[in-house]
Amino acid sequence: MRTLKALILLLCALGSGFIIYTHYYRPPFDDQFPFYNLPGTEPEEIMYFVEGLPPHDSFSPELYHNIRSVDDAVIYIRTKHPNASEPELARAAFDLTRSRFLHYMYPRHTFMTNPFLAVFGVFIPHRTFDAMYLGDDLLRHSAGASCGQAAGVFIEIWRGLGGKARAYHLKGHDIGEAMVDGQMWMVDPDLEAMAPHSIDELRANPELVVQVYSFLKPQDRIESMKRIFADPDVWHYAFDEPPTTSPRIYLGQKWGNRLKFVFFPALAAAGLLLLRWRNRNR
């Protein structure tokens, strides 16, 4: 009986220690970038064009190493811009988000970042339950982010600074929309574009889209953005809803991140109660 109790408590301690370790684990930088464009790879894999970043990619290794949570980002911005106006704060939040991540990636959880979510990737690989949706997870574990993930991080940071922002889905591209001094601003940290225009304004005026994305190369990418904004397949979420176009998965991961710390203690408690019950009924 004592041996079984000791074994249960040991397994609980080891399991809890592993959960704490994976919660703060960050994969080695070079291991985060499997090839996306090699023959035989699946679209669900993380994307990264290893042969060179686009000219507008402003990834900052310093921010990658130092900003590991939404709270870190808020403190960094508040410290660096103590007397900033709301538009200046919005620009600072945008600059931090776009420079914190490498683009064209789609990071997912592994058994070394969240073993519970990684199980979904093994058994339900065609769904995105194991993708990183939480801003803290992306900042803690990953150097890269997809369009929707980067937009979600910006939204969380802007809300952390006291602002309002929401997730906005365009066909094939997810971005954010922020309220800044009473005006809606389009925020696209993935393609590093921000403009003091609402998304509805941009959708109604293709020339505004050209101006906002004029830095993109080659030219056909700008034409592609015009088509994306013009497509009627769009929707957005409210300012008080999750900062993603997959709100149910986001909420599930948020609660899962809290509950994972009690999984092994609860399992140990159940095991000890079962032993006690068995001992009483002998």
C-alpha atoms as a PDB file:
ATOM      1  CA  MET A   1       0.000   0.000   0.000  1.00  0.00           C
ATOM      2  CA  ARG A   2       2.720   2.475   0.975  1.00  0.00           C
ATOM      3  CA  THR A   3       4.728   1.536  -2.082  1.00  0.00           C
ATOM      4  CA  LEU A   4       1.776   2.213  -4.369  1.00  0.00           C
ATOM      5  CA  LYS A   5       1.126   5.567  -2.671  1.00  0.00           C
ATOM      6  CA  ALA A   6       4.757   6.543  -3.067  1.00  0.00           C
ATOM      7  CA  LEU A   7       4.698   5.504  -6.722  1.00  0.00           C
ATOM      8  CA  ILE A   8       1.544   7.557  -7.391  1.00  0.00           C
ATOM      9  CA  LEU A   9       3.027  10.620  -5.701  1.00  0.00           C
ATOM     10  CA  LEU A  10       6.295  10.198  -7.611  1.00  0.00           C
ATOM     11  CA  LEU A  11       4.474   9.966 -10.943  1.00  0.00           C
ATOM     12  CA  CYS A  12       2.434  13.036  -9.999  1.00  0.00           C
ATOM     13  CA  ALA A  13       5.593  14.992  -9.181  1.00  0.00           C
ATOM     14  CA  LEU A  14       7.298  13.920 -12.424  1.00  0.00           C
ATOM     15  CA  GLY A  15       4.221  14.662 -14.522  1.00  0.00           C
ATOM     16  CA  SER A  16       3.686  18.078 -12.928  1.00  0.00           C
ATOM     17  CA  GLY A  17       7.360  18.892 -13.376  1.00  0.00           C
ATOM     18  CA  PHE A  18       7.130  17.982 -17.054  1.00  0.00           C
ATOM     19  CA  ILE A  19       4.047  20.194 -17.524  1.00  0.00           C
ATOM     20  CA  ILE A  20       5.844  23.154 -15.927  1.00  0.00           C
ATOM     21  CA  TYR A  21       8.900  22.514 -18.106  1.00  0.00           C
ATOM     22  CA  THR A  22       6.880  22.322 -21.332  1.00  0.00           C
ATOM     23  CA  HIS A  23       4.918  25.441 -20.383  1.00  0.00           C
ATOM     24  CA  TYR A  24       8.118  27.493 -20.538  1.00  0.00           C
ATOM     25  CA  TYR A  25       9.960  25.473 -23.170  1.00  0.00           C
ATOM     26  CA  ARG A  26      11.166  27.242 -26.288  1.00  0.00           C
ATOM     27  CA  PRO A  27      12.468  25.035 -29.138  1.00  0.00           C
ATOM     28  CA  PRO A  28      15.932  25.869 -30.488  1.00  0.00           C
ATOM     29  CA  PHE A  29      15.636  28.627 -33.069  1.00  0.00           C
ATOM     30  CA  ASP A  30      16.800  26.559 -36.057  1.00  0.00           C
ATOM     31  CA  ASP A  31      14.435  23.706 -35.180  1.00  0.00           C
ATOM     32  CA  GLN A  32      11.377  25.895 -35.625  1.00  0.00           C
ATOM     33  CA  PHE A  33      11.599  26.097 -39.410  1.00  0.00           C
ATOM     34  CA  PRO A  34      10.841  22.879 -41.313  1.00  0.00           C
ATOM     35  CA  PHE A  35      10.642  23.365 -45.067  1.00  0.00           C
ATOM     36  CA  TYR A  36       7.197  24.066 -46.420  1.00  0.00           C
ATOM     37  CA  ASN A  37       7.873  23.985 -50.158  1.00  0.00           C
ATOM     38  CA  LEU A  38       9.593  20.598 -50.460  1.00  0.00           C
ATOM     39  CA  PRO A  39       7.809  17.807 -52.402  1.00  0.00           C
ATOM     40  CA  GLY A  40       5.621  15.662 -50.199  1.00  0.00           C
ATOM     41  CA  THR A  41       5.096  18.155 -47.395  1.00  0.00           C
ATOM     42  CA  GLU A  42       1.575  18.816 -46.195  1.00  0.00           C
ATOM     43  CA  PRO A  43      -0.098  22.263 -46.237  1.00  0.00           C
ATOM     44  CA  GLU A  44      -0.672  21.983 -42.491  1.00  0.00           C
ATOM     45  CA  GLU A  45       3.064  22.067 -41.767  1.00  0.00           C
ATOM     46  CA  ILE A  46       4.799  25.213 -40.556  1.00  0.00           C
ATOM     47  CA  MET A  47       5.816  27.453 -43.443  1.00  0.00           C
ATOM     48  CA  TYR A  48       9.175  29.093 -43.748  1.00  0.00           C
ATOM     49  CA  PHE A  49      11.019  30.159 -46.883  1.00  0.00           C
ATOM     50  CA  VAL A  50      14.554  29.386 -45.781  1.00  0.00           C
ATOM     51  CA  GLU A  51      16.218  30.931 -48.818  1.00  0.00           C
ATOM     52  CA  GLY A  52      15.663  34.446 -47.524  1.00  0.00           C
ATOM     53  CA  LEU A  53      13.061  36.641 -45.948  1.00  0.00           C
ATOM     54  CA  PRO A  54      11.008  39.152 -47.948  1.00  0.00           C
ATOM     55  CA  PRO A  55      12.556  42.619 -48.011  1.00  0.00           C
ATOM     56  CA  HIS A  56       9.885  43.994 -45.694  1.00  0.00           C
ATOM     57  CA  ASP A  57      10.325  41.359 -42.977  1.00  0.00           C
ATOM     58  CA  SER A  58      11.680  43.217 -39.953  1.00  0.00           C
ATOM     59  CA  PHE A  59      12.197  40.321 -37.535  1.00  0.00           C
ATOM     60  CA  SER A  60      14.076  41.408 -34.397  1.00  0.00           C
ATOM     61  CA  PRO A  61      16.133  38.751 -32.552  1.00  0.00           C
ATOM     62  CA  GLU A  62      16.220  41.103 -29.547  1.00  0.00           C
ATOM     63  CA  LEU A  63      12.427  41.162 -29.273  1.00  0.00           C
ATOM     64  CA  TYR A  64      12.316  37.405 -29.857  1.00  0.00           C
ATOM     65  CA  HIS A  65      14.580  36.803 -26.871  1.00  0.00           C
ATOM     66  CA  ASN A  66      13.081  39.424 -24.541  1.00  0.00           C
ATOM     67  CA  ILE A  67       9.317  39.464 -25.209  1.00  0.00           C
ATOM     68  CA  ARG A  68       7.857  36.178 -23.983  1.00  0.00           C
ATOM     69  CA  SER A  69       4.335  37.167 -22.949  1.00  0.00           C
ATOM     70  CA  VAL A  70       1.647  39.750 -23.615  1.00  0.00           C
ATOM     71  CA  ASP A  71       2.474  41.319 -20.240  1.00  0.00           C
ATOM     72  CA  ASP A  72       6.134  41.600 -21.320  1.00  0.00           C
ATOM     73  CA  ALA A  73       5.012  43.425 -24.455  1.00  0.00           C
ATOM     74  CA  VAL A  74       2.737  45.839 -22.568  1.00  0.00           C
ATOM     75  CA  ILE A  75       5.466  46.656 -20.032  1.00  0.00           C
ATOM     76  CA  TYR A  76       8.026  47.119 -22.833  1.00  0.00           C
ATOM     77  CA  ILE A  77       5.776  49.539 -24.722  1.00  0.00           C
ATOM     78  CA  ARG A  78       4.740  51.473 -21.610  1.00  0.00           C
ATOM     79  CA  THR A  79       8.374  51.804 -20.536  1.00  0.00           C
ATOM     80  CA  LYS A  80       9.649  52.833 -23.953  1.00  0.00           C
ATOM     81  CA  HIS A  81       6.760  55.242 -24.672  1.00  0.00           C
ATOM     82  CA  PRO A  82       5.714  56.652 -21.278  1.00  0.00           C
ATOM     83  CA  ASN A  83       3.901  59.747 -22.583  1.00  0.00           C
ATOM     84  CA  ALA A  84       2.702  58.445 -25.944  1.00  0.00           C
ATOM     85  CA  SER A  85      -0.614  59.421 -27.475  1.00  0.00           C
ATOM     86  CA  GLU A  86      -3.082  56.668 -28.385  1.00  0.00           C
ATOM     87  CA  PRO A  87      -2.024  56.623 -32.081  1.00  0.00           C
ATOM     88  CA  GLU A  88       1.628  56.426 -30.996  1.00  0.00           C
ATOM     89  CA  LEU A  89       0.839  53.538 -28.645  1.00  0.00           C
ATOM     90  CA  ALA A  90      -1.058  51.747 -31.410  1.00  0.00           C
ATOM     91  CA  ARG A  91       1.881  52.180 -33.747  1.00  0.00           C
ATOM     92  CA  ALA A  92       4.258  50.907 -31.035  1.00  0.00           C
ATOM     93  CA  ALA A  93       2.097  47.809 -30.466  1.00  0.00           C
ATOM     94  CA  PHE A  94       2.027  47.192 -34.209  1.00  0.00           C
ATOM     95  CA  ASP A  95       5.796  47.688 -34.581  1.00  0.00           C
ATOM     96  CA  LEU A  96       6.515  45.295 -31.732  1.00  0.00           C
ATOM     97  CA  THR A  97       4.210  42.609 -33.113  1.00  0.00           C
ATOM     98  CA  ARG A  98       5.454  42.769 -36.697  1.00  0.00           C
ATOM     99  CA  SER A  99       9.103  42.746 -35.586  1.00  0.00           C
ATOM    100  CA  ARG A 100       8.666  40.048 -32.952  1.00  0.00           C
ATOM    101  CA  PHE A 101       7.689  37.345 -35.467  1.00  0.00           C
ATOM    102  CA  LEU A 102       9.019  35.854 -38.646  1.00  0.00           C
ATOM    103  CA  HIS A 103       6.156  35.647 -41.103  1.00  0.00           C
ATOM    104  CA  TYR A 104       4.831  32.876 -43.375  1.00  0.00           C
ATOM    105  CA  MET A 105       4.790  30.314 -40.593  1.00  0.00           C
ATOM    106  CA  TYR A 106       2.043  28.372 -38.855  1.00  0.00           C
ATOM    107  CA  PRO A 107       3.405  27.166 -35.506  1.00  0.00           C
ATOM    108  CA  ARG A 108       1.711  24.238 -33.811  1.00  0.00           C
ATOM    109  CA  HIS A 109       2.144  22.724 -30.393  1.00  0.00           C
ATOM    110  CA  THR A 110       4.436  19.740 -29.977  1.00  0.00           C
ATOM    111  CA  PHE A 111       4.801  17.361 -27.047  1.00  0.00           C
ATOM    112  CA  MET A 112       7.510  19.699 -25.782  1.00  0.00           C
ATOM    113  CA  THR A 113       5.274  22.800 -25.701  1.00  0.00           C
ATOM    114  CA  ASN A 114       1.852  21.354 -24.831  1.00  0.00           C
ATOM    115  CA  PRO A 115       1.544  17.542 -24.833  1.00  0.00           C
ATOM    116  CA  PHE A 116      -2.251  17.637 -24.444  1.00  0.00           C
ATOM    117  CA  LEU A 117      -2.793  19.790 -27.536  1.00  0.00           C
ATOM    118  CA  ALA A 118      -0.128  17.881 -29.462  1.00  0.00           C
ATOM    119  CA  VAL A 119      -2.286  14.762 -29.120  1.00  0.00           C
ATOM    120  CA  PHE A 120      -4.936  16.478 -31.260  1.00  0.00           C
ATOM    121  CA  GLY A 121      -2.330  17.001 -33.978  1.00  0.00           C
ATOM    122  CA  VAL A 122      -1.600  13.268 -33.980  1.00  0.00           C
ATOM    123  CA  PHE A 123      -5.186  11.980 -34.019  1.00  0.00           C
ATOM    124  CA  ILE A 124      -6.964  14.848 -35.821  1.00  0.00           C
ATOM    125  CA  PRO A 125      -4.247  16.254 -38.118  1.00  0.00           C
ATOM    126  CA  HIS A 126      -6.708  17.860 -40.556  1.00  0.00           C
ATOM    127  CA  ARG A 127      -8.006  20.260 -37.872  1.00  0.00           C
ATOM    128  CA  THR A 128      -6.149  23.102 -36.186  1.00  0.00           C
ATOM    129  CA  PHE A 129      -6.787  22.257 -32.538  1.00  0.00           C
ATOM    130  CA  ASP A 130      -3.037  22.022 -31.901  1.00  0.00           C
ATOM    131  CA  ALA A 131      -2.149  25.357 -33.543  1.00  0.00           C
ATOM    132  CA  MET A 132      -0.923  28.110 -31.216  1.00  0.00           C
ATOM    133  CA  TYR A 133      -3.809  30.502 -30.699  1.00  0.00           C
ATOM    134  CA  LEU A 134      -2.966  32.212 -27.415  1.00  0.00           C
ATOM    135  CA  GLY A 135      -0.758  35.281 -27.549  1.00  0.00           C
ATOM    136  CA  ASP A 136       1.248  34.101 -24.553  1.00  0.00           C
ATOM    137  CA  ASP A 137       1.860  30.701 -26.183  1.00  0.00           C
ATOM    138  CA  LEU A 138       3.112  32.289 -29.409  1.00  0.00           C
ATOM    139  CA  LEU A 139       5.363  34.756 -27.589  1.00  0.00           C
ATOM    140  CA  ARG A 140       6.651  32.107 -25.203  1.00  0.00           C
ATOM    141  CA  HIS A 141       7.336  29.299 -27.668  1.00  0.00           C
ATOM    142  CA  SER A 142       7.637  30.599 -31.227  1.00  0.00           C
ATOM    143  CA  ALA A 143       9.737  32.868 -33.419  1.00  0.00           C
ATOM    144  CA  GLY A 144       7.093  32.878 -36.131  1.00  0.00           C
ATOM    145  CA  ALA A 145       3.391  33.375 -36.639  1.00  0.00           C
ATOM    146  CA  SER A 146       0.817  33.169 -39.398  1.00  0.00           C
ATOM    147  CA  CYS A 147      -1.363  36.114 -40.425  1.00  0.00           C
ATOM    148  CA  GLY A 148      -4.162  35.338 -37.980  1.00  0.00           C
ATOM    149  CA  GLN A 149      -1.776  34.454 -35.171  1.00  0.00           C
ATOM    150  CA  ALA A 150       0.169  37.713 -35.532  1.00  0.00           C
ATOM    151  CA  ALA A 151      -3.075  39.705 -35.693  1.00  0.00           C
ATOM    152  CA  GLY A 152      -4.278  37.937 -32.551  1.00  0.00           C
ATOM    153  CA  VAL A 153      -1.099  38.845 -30.676  1.00  0.00           C
ATOM    154  CA  PHE A 154      -1.491  42.493 -31.680  1.00  0.00           C
ATOM    155  CA  ILE A 155      -5.119  42.466 -30.506  1.00  0.00           C
ATOM    156  CA  GLU A 156      -4.127  41.015 -27.136  1.00  0.00           C
ATOM    157  CA  ILE A 157      -1.332  43.567 -26.702  1.00  0.00           C
ATOM    158  CA  TRP A 158      -3.593  46.470 -27.706  1.00  0.00           C
ATOM    159  CA  ARG A 159      -6.261  45.292 -25.285  1.00  0.00           C
ATOM    160  CA  GLY A 160      -3.561  44.984 -22.628  1.00  0.00           C
ATOM    161  CA  LEU A 161      -2.737  48.635 -23.248  1.00  0.00           C
ATOM    162  CA  GLY A 162      -6.385  49.525 -22.654  1.00  0.00           C
ATOM    163  CA  GLY A 163      -7.502  49.730 -26.276  1.00  0.00           C
ATOM    164  CA  LYS A 164     -10.206  47.995 -28.293  1.00  0.00           C
ATOM    165  CA  ALA A 165      -9.488  45.653 -31.194  1.00  0.00           C
ATOM    166  CA  ARG A 166     -11.117  42.737 -32.986  1.00  0.00           C
ATOM    167  CA  ALA A 167     -10.274  39.912 -35.355  1.00  0.00           C
ATOM    168  CA  TYR A 168     -11.282  40.324 -39.004  1.00  0.00           C
ATOM    169  CA  HIS A 169     -11.375  37.557 -41.600  1.00  0.00           C
ATOM    170  CA  LEU A 170     -10.754  38.247 -45.277  1.00  0.00           C
ATOM    171  CA  LYS A 171     -10.799  35.412 -47.778  1.00  0.00           C
ATOM    172  CA  GLY A 172      -7.388  33.781 -47.363  1.00  0.00           C
ATOM    173  CA  HIS A 173      -6.041  36.370 -44.943  1.00  0.00           C
ATOM    174  CA  ASP A 174      -6.774  37.250 -41.305  1.00  0.00           C
ATOM    175  CA  ILE A 175      -6.025  40.708 -39.932  1.00  0.00           C
ATOM    176  CA  GLY A 176      -7.045  42.964 -37.059  1.00  0.00           C
ATOM    177  CA  GLU A 177      -9.028  46.154 -36.673  1.00  0.00           C
ATOM    178  CA  ALA A 178      -8.295  48.526 -33.786  1.00  0.00           C
ATOM    179  CA  MET A 179     -10.142  51.483 -32.348  1.00  0.00           C
ATOM    180  CA  VAL A 180      -7.645  54.365 -32.104  1.00  0.00           C
ATOM    181  CA  ASP A 181      -8.813  57.779 -30.893  1.00  0.00           C
ATOM    182  CA  GLY A 182     -12.354  56.876 -31.889  1.00  0.00           C
ATOM    183  CA  GLN A 183     -11.342  55.815 -35.416  1.00  0.00           C
ATOM    184  CA  MET A 184     -11.015  52.308 -36.851  1.00  0.00           C
ATOM    185  CA  TRP A 185      -7.534  51.323 -38.034  1.00  0.00           C
ATOM    186  CA  MET A 186      -6.644  48.344 -40.190  1.00  0.00           C
ATOM    187  CA  VAL A 187      -3.783  46.310 -38.678  1.00  0.00           C
ATOM    188  CA  ASP A 188      -1.934  43.616 -40.643  1.00  0.00           C
ATOM    189  CA  PRO A 189       1.225  42.695 -38.683  1.00  0.00           C
ATOM    190  CA  ASP A 190       1.854  39.651 -40.889  1.00  0.00           C
ATOM    191  CA  LEU A 191       2.385  41.729 -44.038  1.00  0.00           C
ATOM    192  CA  GLU A 192       3.590  44.664 -41.907  1.00  0.00           C
ATOM    193  CA  ALA A 193       0.873  47.080 -42.980  1.00  0.00           C
ATOM    194  CA  MET A 194      -1.112  49.474 -40.795  1.00  0.00           C
ATOM    195  CA  ALA A 195      -3.405  52.313 -41.858  1.00  0.00           C
ATOM    196  CA  PRO A 196      -5.764  54.817 -40.193  1.00  0.00           C
ATOM    197  CA  HIS A 197      -8.622  53.460 -42.289  1.00  0.00           C
ATOM    198  CA  SER A 198     -11.318  50.963 -41.408  1.00  0.00           C
ATOM    199  CA  ILE A 199     -11.375  47.686 -43.289  1.00  0.00           C
ATOM    200  CA  ASP A 200     -14.718  48.689 -44.779  1.00  0.00           C
ATOM    201  CA  GLU A 201     -13.055  51.823 -46.197  1.00  0.00           C
ATOM    202  CA  LEU A 202     -10.301  49.745 -47.762  1.00  0.00           C
ATOM    203  CA  ARG A 203     -12.782  47.258 -49.194  1.00  0.00           C
ATOM    204  CA  ALA A 204     -14.709  50.098 -50.793  1.00  0.00           C
ATOM    205  CA  ASN A 205     -11.629  51.793 -52.245  1.00  0.00           C
ATOM    206  CA  PRO A 206      -9.081  49.571 -54.065  1.00  0.00           C
ATOM    207  CA  GLU A 207      -6.723  52.524 -54.498  1.00  0.00           C
ATOM    208  CA  LEU A 208      -6.392  52.786 -50.727  1.00  0.00           C
ATOM    209  CA  VAL A 209      -5.369  49.120 -50.667  1.00  0.00           C
ATOM    210  CA  VAL A 210      -2.694  49.875 -53.263  1.00  0.00           C
ATOM    211  CA  GLN A 211      -1.359  52.740 -51.128  1.00  0.00           C
ATOM    212  CA  VAL A 212      -1.316  50.710 -47.910  1.00  0.00           C
ATOM    213  CA  TYR A 213       0.456  47.711 -49.495  1.00  0.00           C
ATOM    214  CA  SER A 214       2.596  49.648 -52.004  1.00  0.00           C
ATOM    215  CA  PHE A 215       5.821  48.214 -50.515  1.00  0.00           C
ATOM    216  CA  LEU A 216       4.949  44.629 -51.461  1.00  0.00           C
ATOM    217  CA  LYS A 217       6.986  42.987 -54.202  1.00  0.00           C
ATOM    218  CA  PRO A 218       6.352  41.793 -56.856  1.00  0.00           C
ATOM    219  CA  GLN A 219       3.504  43.900 -58.173  1.00  0.00           C
ATOM    220  CA  ASP A 220       1.123  40.969 -58.495  1.00  0.00           C
ATOM    221  CA  ARG A 221       1.074  40.659 -54.706  1.00  0.00           C
ATOM    222  CA  ILE A 222      -0.547  44.090 -54.505  1.00  0.00           C
ATOM    223  CA  GLU A 223      -3.120  42.962 -57.054  1.00  0.00           C
ATOM    224  CA  SER A 224      -3.709  39.897 -54.913  1.00  0.00           C
ATOM    225  CA  MET A 225      -4.385  42.106 -51.875  1.00  0.00           C
ATOM    226  CA  LYS A 226      -6.895  44.127 -53.899  1.00  0.00           C
ATOM    227  CA  ARG A 227      -8.752  40.911 -54.744  1.00  0.00           C
ATOM    228  CA  ILE A 228      -8.650  39.753 -51.123  1.00  0.00           C
ATOM    229  CA  PHE A 229     -10.166  42.999 -49.850  1.00  0.00           C
ATOM    230  CA  ALA A 230     -12.774  43.044 -52.618  1.00  0.00           C
ATOM    231  CA  ASP A 231     -13.985  39.488 -51.994  1.00  0.00           C
ATOM    232  CA  PRO A 232     -17.420  39.401 -50.268  1.00  0.00           C
ATOM    233  CA  ASP A 233     -16.401  36.436 -48.076  1.00  0.00           C
ATOM    234  CA  VAL A 234     -15.562  38.498 -44.963  1.00  0.00           C
ATOM    235  CA  TRP A 235     -16.633  38.639 -41.330  1.00  0.00           C
ATOM    236  CA  HIS A 236     -15.392  40.056 -38.056  1.00  0.00           C
ATOM    237  CA  TYR A 237     -15.830  39.479 -34.329  1.00  0.00           C
ATOM    238  CA  ALA A 238     -16.752  41.879 -31.536  1.00  0.00           C
ATOM    239  CA  PHE A 239     -14.308  43.882 -29.423  1.00  0.00           C
ATOM    240  CA  ASP A 240     -15.044  41.685 -26.403  1.00  0.00           C
ATOM    241  CA  GLU A 241     -14.713  38.350 -28.234  1.00  0.00           C
ATOM    242  CA  PRO A 242     -11.556  36.219 -28.540  1.00  0.00           C
ATOM    243  CA  PRO A 243      -8.872  37.816 -30.758  1.00  0.00           C
ATOM    244  CA  THR A 244      -9.043  35.154 -33.435  1.00  0.00           C
ATOM    245  CA  THR A 245     -11.273  33.851 -36.197  1.00  0.00           C
ATOM    246  CA  SER A 246     -11.425  30.514 -34.315  1.00  0.00           C
ATOM    247  CA  PRO A 247     -12.888  31.699 -30.984  1.00  0.00           C
ATOM    248  CA  ARG A 248     -14.026  28.298 -29.697  1.00  0.00           C
ATOM    249  CA  ILE A 249     -10.564  26.799 -30.145  1.00  0.00           C
ATOM    250  CA  TYR A 250      -9.031  29.868 -28.504  1.00  0.00           C
ATOM    251  CA  LEU A 251     -11.293  29.561 -25.452  1.00  0.00           C
ATOM    252  CA  GLY A 252     -10.656  25.822 -25.279  1.00  0.00           C
ATOM    253  CA  GLN A 253      -6.915  26.373 -25.267  1.00  0.00           C
ATOM    254  CA  LYS A 254      -7.225  29.161 -22.701  1.00  0.00           C
ATOM    255  CA  TRP A 255      -9.047  26.895 -20.271  1.00  0.00           C
ATOM    256  CA  GLY A 256      -6.814  23.963 -21.177  1.00  0.00           C
ATOM    257  CA  ASN A 257      -3.736  26.008 -20.329  1.00  0.00           C
ATOM    258  CA  ARG A 258      -5.135  26.558 -16.849  1.00  0.00           C
ATOM    259  CA  LEU A 259      -6.359  23.028 -16.259  1.00  0.00           C
ATOM    260  CA  LYS A 260      -3.206  21.247 -17.445  1.00  0.00           C
ATOM    261  CA  PHE A 261      -1.440  22.184 -14.208  1.00  0.00           C
ATOM    262  CA  VAL A 262      -4.016  20.293 -12.125  1.00  0.00           C
ATOM    263  CA  PHE A 263      -4.135  17.212 -14.376  1.00  0.00           C
ATOM    264  CA  PHE A 264      -1.466  15.156 -12.610  1.00  0.00           C
ATOM    265  CA  PRO A 265      -2.411  16.264  -9.058  1.00  0.00           C
ATOM    266  CA  ALA A 266      -6.031  15.341  -9.846  1.00  0.00           C
ATOM    267  CA  LEU A 267      -4.898  12.007 -11.279  1.00  0.00           C
ATOM    268  CA  ALA A 268      -2.836  11.341  -8.151  1.00  0.00           C
ATOM    269  CA  ALA A 269      -5.762  12.274  -5.893  1.00  0.00           C
ATOM    270  CA  ALA A 270      -8.019   9.899  -7.824  1.00  0.00           C
ATOM    271  CA  GLY A 271      -5.431   7.116  -7.520  1.00  0.00           C
ATOM    272  CA  LEU A 272      -5.050   7.620  -3.767  1.00  0.00           C
ATOM    273  CA  LEU A 273      -8.821   7.644  -3.261  1.00  0.00           C
ATOM    274  CA  LEU A 274      -9.118   4.462  -5.309  1.00  0.00           C
ATOM    275  CA  LEU A 275      -6.449   2.781  -3.161  1.00  0.00           C
ATOM    276  CA  ARG A 276      -8.221   3.906   0.001  1.00  0.00           C
ATOM    277  CA  TRP A 277     -11.567   2.604  -1.281  1.00  0.00           C
ATOM    278  CA  ARG A 278     -10.022  -0.738  -2.243  1.00  0.00           C
ATOM    279  CA  ASN A 279      -8.364  -1.055   1.168  1.00  0.00           C
ATOM    280  CA  ARG A 280     -11.664  -0.391   2.961  1.00  0.00           C
ATOM    281  CA  ASN A 281     -13.549  -2.992   0.916  1.00  0.00           C
ATOM    282  CA  ARG A 282     -11.126  -5.846   1.372  1.00  0.00           C
END
